[in-house]
Protein backbone atom coordinates (compact mmCIF):
# COMPACT_ATOMS: atom_id res chain seq x y z
CA MET A 1 2.30 17.08 -3.44
CA THR A 2 5.71 15.62 -2.58
CA HIS A 3 5.59 17.18 0.89
CA GLN A 4 2.26 15.51 1.62
CA ARG A 5 3.53 12.11 0.46
CA ASP A 6 6.62 12.41 2.66
CA ARG A 7 4.46 13.25 5.67
CA VAL A 8 2.23 10.24 5.04
CA GLU A 9 5.23 7.91 4.78
CA ALA A 10 6.71 9.33 7.98
CA GLU A 11 3.47 8.81 9.92
CA PRO A 12 1.82 5.50 9.00
CA PRO A 13 -1.86 5.22 9.92
CA LYS A 14 -2.39 3.99 13.48
CA GLU A 15 -4.46 0.93 12.51
CA VAL A 16 -1.76 -0.48 10.21
CA PRO A 17 0.76 -2.74 12.00
CA ARG A 18 4.29 -1.36 11.67
CA ALA A 19 5.47 -4.74 10.32
CA VAL A 20 3.09 -4.35 7.37
CA VAL A 21 4.27 -0.81 6.66
CA SER A 22 7.94 -1.81 6.77
CA LEU A 23 7.55 -4.76 4.39
CA ARG A 24 9.85 -4.46 1.41
CA LEU A 25 7.71 -5.31 -1.55
CA ASP A 26 9.06 -7.18 -4.51
CA LYS A 27 8.78 -5.18 -7.75
CA ASN A 28 6.66 -7.94 -9.28
CA VAL A 29 4.22 -7.75 -6.36
CA ILE A 30 3.90 -3.98 -6.80
CA ARG A 31 3.39 -4.38 -10.57
CA GLU A 32 0.71 -7.00 -9.91
CA PHE A 33 -1.19 -4.67 -7.57
CA LYS A 34 -0.86 -1.77 -10.02
CA MET A 35 -2.30 -3.95 -12.79
CA GLU A 36 -5.15 -5.07 -10.51
CA ALA A 37 -5.82 -1.45 -9.57
CA ALA A 38 -5.88 -0.48 -13.25
CA ARG A 39 -8.34 -3.31 -13.99
CA ARG A 40 -10.60 -2.07 -11.20
CA GLY A 41 -10.12 1.57 -12.22
CA LEU A 42 -8.56 2.50 -8.87
CA LYS A 43 -6.40 5.52 -8.16
CA LEU A 44 -2.86 4.93 -6.89
CA ASN A 45 -3.75 5.63 -3.24
CA GLU A 46 -6.62 3.14 -3.52
CA CYS A 47 -4.11 0.66 -4.95
CA PHE A 48 -1.99 0.99 -1.81
CA GLU A 49 -5.06 0.60 0.40
CA LEU A 50 -5.79 -2.63 -1.47
CA MET A 51 -2.21 -3.79 -0.84
CA LEU A 52 -2.40 -3.00 2.88
CA THR A 53 -5.75 -4.74 3.22
CA THR A 54 -4.35 -7.81 1.49
CA PHE A 55 -1.29 -7.92 3.75
CA ARG A 56 -3.45 -7.39 6.84
CA GLU A 57 -5.52 -10.41 5.86
CA LYS A 58 -2.42 -12.52 5.21
CA THR A 59 -0.66 -11.53 8.44
CA SER A 60 -3.63 -11.88 10.81
């Protein structure tokens, strides 16, 4: 499991701008997204997809 996560972090998806991937997220922001994901019943990976989508919308 850890190996797979490391590989994913090392190779960000092509469609995600590198600036978005390299953003350092405030702990409160991460907590907020985790809470939102829990409310929606999302898995953790879906939570991160939600975060990336949100940042894509804000940075475009």
